[in-house]
Structures are given as structure tokens and as C-alpha cells.
N, C-alpha and C. Protein backbone atom coordinates (compact mmCIF):
# COMPACT_ATOMS: atom_id res chain seq x y z
N MET A 1 1.06 -1.17 0.33
CA MET A 1 0.49 -0.46 -0.35
C MET A 1 0.71 1.23 0.13
N SER A 2 0.62 2.21 -0.58
CA SER A 2 1.68 2.87 0.34
C SER A 2 0.90 4.05 0.85
N ARG A 3 2.02 5.78 0.36
CA ARG A 3 1.30 6.17 1.55
C ARG A 3 0.07 7.66 1.72
N VAL A 4 0.04 7.01 -0.25
CA VAL A 4 -1.54 8.22 -0.58
C VAL A 4 -2.28 7.55 0.14
N GLU A 5 -2.22 5.81 -0.98
CA GLU A 5 -3.32 5.19 -0.05
C GLU A 5 -3.32 4.84 1.09
N GLU A 6 -2.80 4.57 2.21
CA GLU A 6 -2.78 4.76 3.01
C GLU A 6 -3.02 6.56 4.20
N LEU A 7 -3.37 7.22 2.95
CA LEU A 7 -3.23 8.85 3.96
C LEU A 7 -5.31 8.06 3.60
N GLY A 8 -6.04 7.75 2.49
CA GLY A 8 -6.32 7.15 2.33
C GLY A 8 -7.31 8.45 0.52
N GLY A 9 -6.17 7.88 0.40
CA GLY A 9 -5.88 8.50 -1.26
C GLY A 9 -6.24 9.46 -1.51
N ARG A 10 -5.92 10.77 -2.56
CA ARG A 10 -6.08 11.87 -3.72
C ARG A 10 -6.56 12.73 -2.81
N ASP A 11 -7.82 11.93 -2.54
CA ASP A 11 -9.07 12.91 -1.92
C ASP A 11 -8.47 13.20 -0.59
N ALA A 12 -8.05 13.19 0.20
CA ALA A 12 -7.78 13.18 1.45
C ALA A 12 -7.08 13.45 1.36
N VAL A 13 -5.91 13.31 0.17
CA VAL A 13 -4.54 13.88 0.83
C VAL A 13 -5.39 15.74 0.74
N GLU A 14 -5.88 16.25 -0.31
CA GLU A 14 -6.47 17.07 -1.18
C GLU A 14 -7.05 17.85 0.78
N GLY A 15 -7.86 17.48 0.16
CA GLY A 15 -8.57 17.34 2.66
C GLY A 15 -7.59 18.30 3.18
N VAL A 16 -6.34 17.13 3.76
CA VAL A 16 -5.39 18.30 4.01
C VAL A 16 -5.00 19.78 4.45
N VAL A 17 -4.56 19.68 3.12
CA VAL A 17 -3.96 20.76 1.79
C VAL A 17 -4.98 21.60 2.03
N GLN A 18 -6.29 21.44 2.51
CA GLN A 18 -7.08 22.19 2.36
C GLN A 18 -7.25 22.65 3.06
N ALA A 19 -7.20 22.18 4.44
CA ALA A 19 -7.71 22.95 6.24
C ALA A 19 -6.18 23.49 6.06
N PHE A 20 -5.44 22.69 5.82
CA PHE A 20 -3.97 23.43 5.80
C PHE A 20 -3.79 24.95 4.70
N ILE A 21 -4.10 25.86 4.25
CA ILE A 21 -4.74 25.80 3.33
C ILE A 21 -5.01 27.68 3.90
N ASP A 22 -6.76 26.42 3.89
CA ASP A 22 -7.38 27.11 4.46
C ASP A 22 -6.95 28.20 6.32
N ARG A 23 -6.33 27.48 6.35
CA ARG A 23 -5.69 28.47 8.32
C ARG A 23 -4.37 29.35 7.59
N CYS A 24 -4.05 29.35 6.81
CA CYS A 24 -2.82 29.66 6.21
C CYS A 24 -3.36 31.13 5.86
N VAL A 25 -4.73 31.50 5.34
CA VAL A 25 -5.28 32.39 4.50
C VAL A 25 -5.88 33.27 5.41
N SER A 26 -6.14 32.52 7.32
CA SER A 26 -6.92 32.93 7.94
C SER A 26 -6.42 33.83 8.61
N ASP A 27 -4.66 33.38 8.67
CA ASP A 27 -3.70 33.61 9.58
C ASP A 27 -3.39 34.95 9.95
N PHE A 28 -3.73 35.24 11.58
CA PHE A 28 -3.28 37.24 11.40
C PHE A 28 -1.87 37.32 11.25
N VAL A 29 -0.68 36.56 10.89
CA VAL A 29 -0.18 36.38 10.89
C VAL A 29 0.65 36.56 9.41
N ILE A 30 -0.33 35.48 8.99
CA ILE A 30 0.49 34.99 7.73
C ILE A 30 -0.45 35.19 6.04
N GLY A 31 -1.81 35.65 6.59
CA GLY A 31 -3.29 35.62 5.49
C GLY A 31 -2.96 36.26 5.21
N PHE A 32 -2.41 37.13 5.21
CA PHE A 32 -2.18 38.73 3.86
C PHE A 32 -1.59 38.77 2.85
N LEU A 33 -0.53 37.45 3.38
CA LEU A 33 0.34 36.60 2.02
C LEU A 33 -0.84 36.65 0.57
N PHE A 34 -1.81 35.38 0.63
CA PHE A 34 -2.83 35.67 0.16
C PHE A 34 -3.84 36.30 -0.44
N SER A 35 -3.93 37.35 0.45
CA SER A 35 -4.70 38.85 -0.56
C SER A 35 -4.77 38.35 -2.08
N GLY A 36 -5.25 37.88 -3.09
CA GLY A 36 -5.94 38.45 -4.63
C GLY A 36 -5.52 37.08 -4.94
N SER A 37 -5.05 36.09 -3.89
CA SER A 37 -4.57 34.19 -5.11
C SER A 37 -5.36 34.41 -5.57
N ASP A 38 -5.68 32.96 -6.03
CA ASP A 38 -6.81 32.15 -6.26
C ASP A 38 -7.25 30.91 -5.48
N ARG A 39 -7.56 30.94 -4.70
CA ARG A 39 -7.11 29.81 -3.64
C ARG A 39 -7.46 28.72 -3.82
N ASP A 40 -8.27 28.24 -5.09
CA ASP A 40 -8.52 26.45 -5.45
C ASP A 40 -7.14 25.77 -6.58
N ARG A 41 -6.09 27.04 -6.58
CA ARG A 41 -5.00 27.60 -7.40
C ARG A 41 -3.95 26.87 -6.40
N ILE A 42 -4.02 27.20 -5.93
CA ILE A 42 -2.94 27.29 -4.58
C ILE A 42 -3.59 25.92 -3.79
N VAL A 43 -4.35 25.55 -4.25
CA VAL A 43 -4.86 24.46 -3.28
C VAL A 43 -4.12 22.86 -3.94
N ARG A 44 -4.23 22.93 -5.45
CA ARG A 44 -4.20 22.17 -6.24
C ARG A 44 -3.04 21.88 -6.17
N HIS A 45 -2.45 23.46 -6.55
CA HIS A 45 -0.76 22.73 -7.50
C HIS A 45 0.08 22.05 -5.46
N GLU A 46 -0.67 22.65 -4.32
CA GLU A 46 -0.03 22.23 -3.45
C GLU A 46 0.01 20.82 -3.09
N THR A 47 -1.29 20.39 -3.69
CA THR A 47 -1.80 18.77 -3.18
C THR A 47 -0.87 18.46 -4.37
N GLU A 48 -0.56 18.37 -5.18
CA GLU A 48 0.19 17.57 -6.28
C GLU A 48 1.34 18.21 -5.29
N MET A 49 2.38 19.13 -4.97
CA MET A 49 3.95 19.16 -4.13
C MET A 49 3.01 17.75 -2.95
N ALA A 50 2.40 17.23 -2.51
CA ALA A 50 2.45 16.95 -1.78
C ALA A 50 2.18 15.19 -2.58
N LEU A 51 1.02 14.90 -2.95
CA LEU A 51 1.28 13.61 -4.01
C LEU A 51 2.77 13.71 -3.70
N ARG A 52 3.41 14.31 -4.95
CA ARG A 52 4.43 13.71 -5.15
C ARG A 52 5.52 13.36 -3.76
N MET A 53 5.47 13.97 -2.51
CA MET A 53 6.13 13.93 -2.24
C MET A 53 6.11 12.28 -1.57
N LEU A 54 4.14 12.31 -1.04
CA LEU A 54 3.81 10.34 -0.75
C LEU A 54 4.31 10.09 -1.24
N GLY A 55 5.26 9.43 -2.87
CA GLY A 55 5.18 9.13 -4.60
C GLY A 55 4.76 8.19 -5.12
N ASP A 56 3.15 9.59 -5.06
CA ASP A 56 2.31 9.78 -6.15
C ASP A 56 3.64 9.99 -7.65
N ASP A 57 2.74 9.35 -8.98
CA ASP A 57 3.18 10.17 -10.37
C ASP A 57 2.60 11.28 -10.59
N ILE A 58 1.53 11.80 -10.06
CA ILE A 58 0.91 13.14 -10.21
C ILE A 58 1.93 13.78 -11.00
N PRO A 59 1.76 15.06 -12.18
CA PRO A 59 2.93 15.81 -11.98
C PRO A 59 2.07 17.46 -12.13
N TYR A 60 4.04 18.34 -11.65
CA TYR A 60 3.25 19.37 -10.35
C TYR A 60 3.34 20.25 -12.24
N THR A 61 1.93 21.65 -11.83
CA THR A 61 0.93 22.20 -13.20
C THR A 61 1.60 23.69 -12.54
N GLY A 62 2.50 23.45 -11.49
CA GLY A 62 2.48 25.68 -10.48
C GLY A 62 3.42 25.75 -11.44
N ARG A 63 3.92 26.83 -10.95
CA ARG A 63 5.45 28.06 -12.16
C ARG A 63 6.60 27.53 -10.94
N PRO A 64 8.05 27.94 -11.47
CA PRO A 64 8.94 27.19 -10.25
C PRO A 64 8.30 27.92 -8.92
N LEU A 65 8.75 27.67 -7.74
CA LEU A 65 8.80 27.97 -6.30
C LEU A 65 9.27 29.59 -6.71
N GLY A 66 10.22 30.47 -6.67
CA GLY A 66 10.32 30.85 -6.81
C GLY A 66 9.96 32.00 -7.32
N ALA A 67 9.95 31.94 -8.35
CA ALA A 67 8.73 33.26 -9.69
C ALA A 67 7.63 33.00 -8.79
N ALA A 68 7.06 32.58 -8.13
CA ALA A 68 5.95 32.62 -7.87
C ALA A 68 5.69 33.30 -6.56
N HIS A 69 7.01 32.81 -5.62
CA HIS A 69 6.76 33.86 -4.45
C HIS A 69 7.67 34.21 -3.97
N ARG A 70 8.32 35.27 -4.82
CA ARG A 70 9.48 36.28 -4.77
C ARG A 70 9.29 37.60 -4.65
N PRO A 71 8.29 37.66 -4.97
CA PRO A 71 7.22 39.31 -5.47
C PRO A 71 6.62 38.93 -3.71
N LYS A 72 6.27 38.62 -3.25
CA LYS A 72 5.91 38.98 -2.17
C LYS A 72 6.32 38.56 -0.74
N ARG A 73 7.56 38.43 -0.96
CA ARG A 73 9.10 38.94 0.11
C ARG A 73 8.15 38.47 1.19
N ILE A 74 8.16 36.68 1.19
CA ILE A 74 7.95 36.24 2.00
C ILE A 74 9.66 36.59 2.79
N ASN A 75 9.36 36.90 3.71
CA ASN A 75 10.20 36.79 4.86
C ASN A 75 10.85 35.50 6.08
N GLN A 76 11.88 35.17 6.58
CA GLN A 76 12.17 33.96 7.44
C GLN A 76 10.29 33.48 8.44
N GLY A 77 10.75 34.73 9.07
CA GLY A 77 9.35 34.64 10.15
C GLY A 77 8.84 34.08 9.61
N HIS A 78 7.94 34.71 8.42
CA HIS A 78 7.12 34.45 7.70
C HIS A 78 6.61 32.45 7.19
N TYR A 79 7.61 32.21 6.90
CA TYR A 79 7.87 31.04 6.65
C TYR A 79 7.35 30.06 7.73
N ARG A 80 9.07 30.70 9.05
CA ARG A 80 7.81 29.91 9.89
C ARG A 80 7.00 29.08 10.83
N ARG A 81 6.09 30.20 10.72
CA ARG A 81 5.05 30.60 11.66
C ARG A 81 4.56 29.90 9.65
N ARG A 82 4.30 29.33 8.45
CA ARG A 82 3.53 28.30 7.95
C ARG A 82 4.29 27.02 7.96
N GLN A 83 5.51 26.86 8.36
CA GLN A 83 6.19 25.38 8.71
C GLN A 83 5.44 25.11 10.73
N ALA A 84 5.06 26.10 11.14
CA ALA A 84 4.16 25.74 12.24
C ALA A 84 3.44 25.41 12.18
N ILE A 85 2.19 26.36 11.17
CA ILE A 85 0.20 26.18 10.68
C ILE A 85 1.09 24.80 10.19
N LEU A 86 1.90 24.33 9.61
CA LEU A 86 1.35 23.03 8.51
C LEU A 86 1.31 21.37 9.55
N ARG A 87 2.54 21.81 10.75
CA ARG A 87 3.18 20.65 11.74
C ARG A 87 1.22 20.96 12.43
N HIS A 88 0.48 22.06 12.67
CA HIS A 88 -0.15 22.38 13.83
C HIS A 88 -1.18 21.18 12.92
N VAL A 89 -1.76 21.33 12.05
CA VAL A 89 -2.26 20.96 11.01
C VAL A 89 -2.85 19.77 10.66
N LEU A 90 -1.40 19.13 9.80
CA LEU A 90 -0.89 17.66 9.95
C LEU A 90 -0.79 16.13 11.46
N VAL A 91 -0.56 17.39 12.69
CA VAL A 91 -0.89 16.20 14.34
C VAL A 91 -2.77 16.60 14.26
N GLU A 92 -3.44 18.00 13.75
CA GLU A 92 -4.55 17.82 14.19
C GLU A 92 -5.04 16.76 13.02
N GLN A 93 -4.97 16.61 12.11
CA GLN A 93 -5.98 16.26 11.14
C GLN A 93 -5.75 14.45 11.41
N GLY A 94 -4.26 13.86 12.29
CA GLY A 94 -4.65 12.46 12.56
C GLY A 94 -3.71 11.94 11.88
N LEU A 95 -2.57 12.98 10.95
CA LEU A 95 -1.45 11.81 10.64
C LEU A 95 -0.67 11.33 11.13
N ALA A 96 0.20 9.88 10.90
CA ALA A 96 0.53 10.01 12.09
C ALA A 96 2.01 10.47 12.10
N GLU A 97 3.27 10.56 13.12
CA GLU A 97 4.69 11.27 13.04
C GLU A 97 5.20 11.11 12.25
N ASP A 98 6.37 9.55 11.48
CA ASP A 98 6.43 10.44 10.62
C ASP A 98 5.60 11.46 9.07
N VAL A 99 5.08 11.19 9.53
CA VAL A 99 4.24 11.35 7.35
C VAL A 99 4.24 13.17 7.96
N VAL A 100 4.41 13.50 9.39
CA VAL A 100 4.33 15.14 10.53
C VAL A 100 5.41 15.81 9.78
N GLU A 101 6.30 14.06 9.55
CA GLU A 101 8.24 14.87 9.65
C GLU A 101 8.00 14.84 8.44
N LEU A 102 7.86 14.00 7.71
CA LEU A 102 8.51 13.41 5.98
C LEU A 102 7.95 14.76 5.59
N TRP A 103 6.75 15.82 6.41
CA TRP A 103 5.46 16.97 5.23
C TRP A 103 6.45 17.70 5.10
N VAL A 104 7.07 17.52 6.45
CA VAL A 104 7.31 18.76 7.02
C VAL A 104 9.34 19.55 6.97
N ALA A 105 9.44 18.72 6.48
CA ALA A 105 11.36 18.48 6.07
C ALA A 105 11.39 18.65 4.69
N HIS A 106 9.83 18.08 4.14
CA HIS A 106 9.65 18.19 2.60
C HIS A 106 9.86 19.79 2.37
N GLN A 107 8.87 20.72 3.52
CA GLN A 107 8.40 21.87 2.47
C GLN A 107 9.54 22.69 3.17
N GLU A 108 10.17 22.19 3.90
CA GLU A 108 11.52 22.82 4.47
C GLU A 108 12.36 23.56 3.91
N ARG A 109 12.82 22.23 2.03
CA ARG A 109 13.93 22.33 0.69
C ARG A 109 13.70 23.78 0.45
N PHE A 110 12.04 23.67 0.59
CA PHE A 110 12.32 25.05 -0.40
C PHE A 110 12.05 25.84 0.74
N ARG A 111 12.04 26.60 1.67
CA ARG A 111 13.11 27.59 2.30
C ARG A 111 13.27 28.30 1.00
N ALA A 112 14.65 28.33 1.31
CA ALA A 112 15.66 29.89 0.51
C ALA A 112 15.30 29.85 -1.08
N ALA A 113 14.36 29.16 -1.34
CA ALA A 113 13.37 29.51 -3.03
C ALA A 113 11.97 30.60 -2.87
N VAL A 114 11.28 30.61 -1.47
CA VAL A 114 10.54 31.47 -1.35
C VAL A 114 11.17 32.53 -1.32
N THR A 115 12.02 32.70 0.30
CA THR A 115 12.17 33.71 0.99
C THR A 115 13.44 33.97 0.36
N ASN A 116 13.12 35.69 1.36
CA ASN A 116 14.62 37.03 1.10
C ASN A 116 15.00 35.58 2.46
N ASP A 117 16.01 37.27 1.89
CA ASP A 117 17.32 36.96 3.56
C ASP A 117 16.95 38.01 5.01
N VAL A 118 15.71 38.44 4.94
CA VAL A 118 15.42 38.69 5.75
C VAL A 118 14.34 38.48 7.37
N ASP A 119 14.73 38.99 8.37
CA ASP A 119 14.46 37.51 9.04
C ASP A 119 13.09 37.72 9.55
N CYS A 120 13.00 39.36 9.83
CA CYS A 120 11.77 39.92 10.02
C CYS A 120 10.93 41.28 9.52
N VAL A 121 10.30 42.04 9.08
CA VAL A 121 10.77 43.45 8.77
C VAL A 121 9.04 44.30 9.17
N ALA A 122 10.31 45.47 9.58
CA ALA A 122 8.79 46.12 9.64
C ALA A 122 7.77 46.35 8.79
N PRO A 123 6.95 46.90 9.26
CA PRO A 123 5.63 47.47 8.16
C PRO A 123 6.00 48.85 7.54
N GLY A 124 5.62 48.24 5.89
CA GLY A 124 6.01 49.50 5.16
C GLY A 124 7.15 49.87 4.80
N SER A 125 8.73 49.12 5.51
CA SER A 125 9.48 48.11 5.36
C SER A 125 10.03 47.82 4.06
């Protein structure tokens, strides 16, 4: 049985991703980064990435991560918040600890591609 099947299939993985994106969008620290974004598209691309990480052969149809995220000026603090939300949602959704660690570590690999070198910035900086 594949990891995706263990989690309940593609739809179940998409449900976890949907819960994660919903939490990010409504978060008081990073929610503004999603303003004007197409949530369905974000969920679709995040789901594709998650499925691939879990061993599915679904193609990734999104843009390169740097091109999609660099214009948003995502700093290190924003990314730490995203990672904390991800971990919390994965645990809340009942994923096994090894899957949580795998998923969080996988996302950590993208930090340099999507963030700038700033740890935190004051509003208007």
C-alpha cells in the first residue's frame, strides 16, 4: 500500500492541504500574503507537491516556486509561521508522526526558494 493510500487517497490528501491553506489564509500573521490569490489554484498546486512527496506520480503543474513567491517578499518569520501552521494542521488531521516529519522536512527544502534573507521587517519597510 502506498503512502497516499495509507492516508485515504488523493482526495484525503487534498482535504489535508485544504485545511492547511484555509488556516494560512485566515492566519493573523501570514494571511495577508494570500490576498488576491486564487485559493483553488494554491490548493491544487500544494496538493500536487504533497502527493509527489508521498510517492504519487501526479505531475506538478505550478510555476517554479521562486517565480511564484519571491514577489511577495516572504521573510524568514513568515516561513516559520507557515511551517508551524503546517505541523499543527497535520497533527490535528491525525497524520502519523513519521508522515508529519516527512511533510514538514519536505517543505523546509523550499525555504530558500521562496523567502528573502530578511528575518523580520517592520510594516512599510
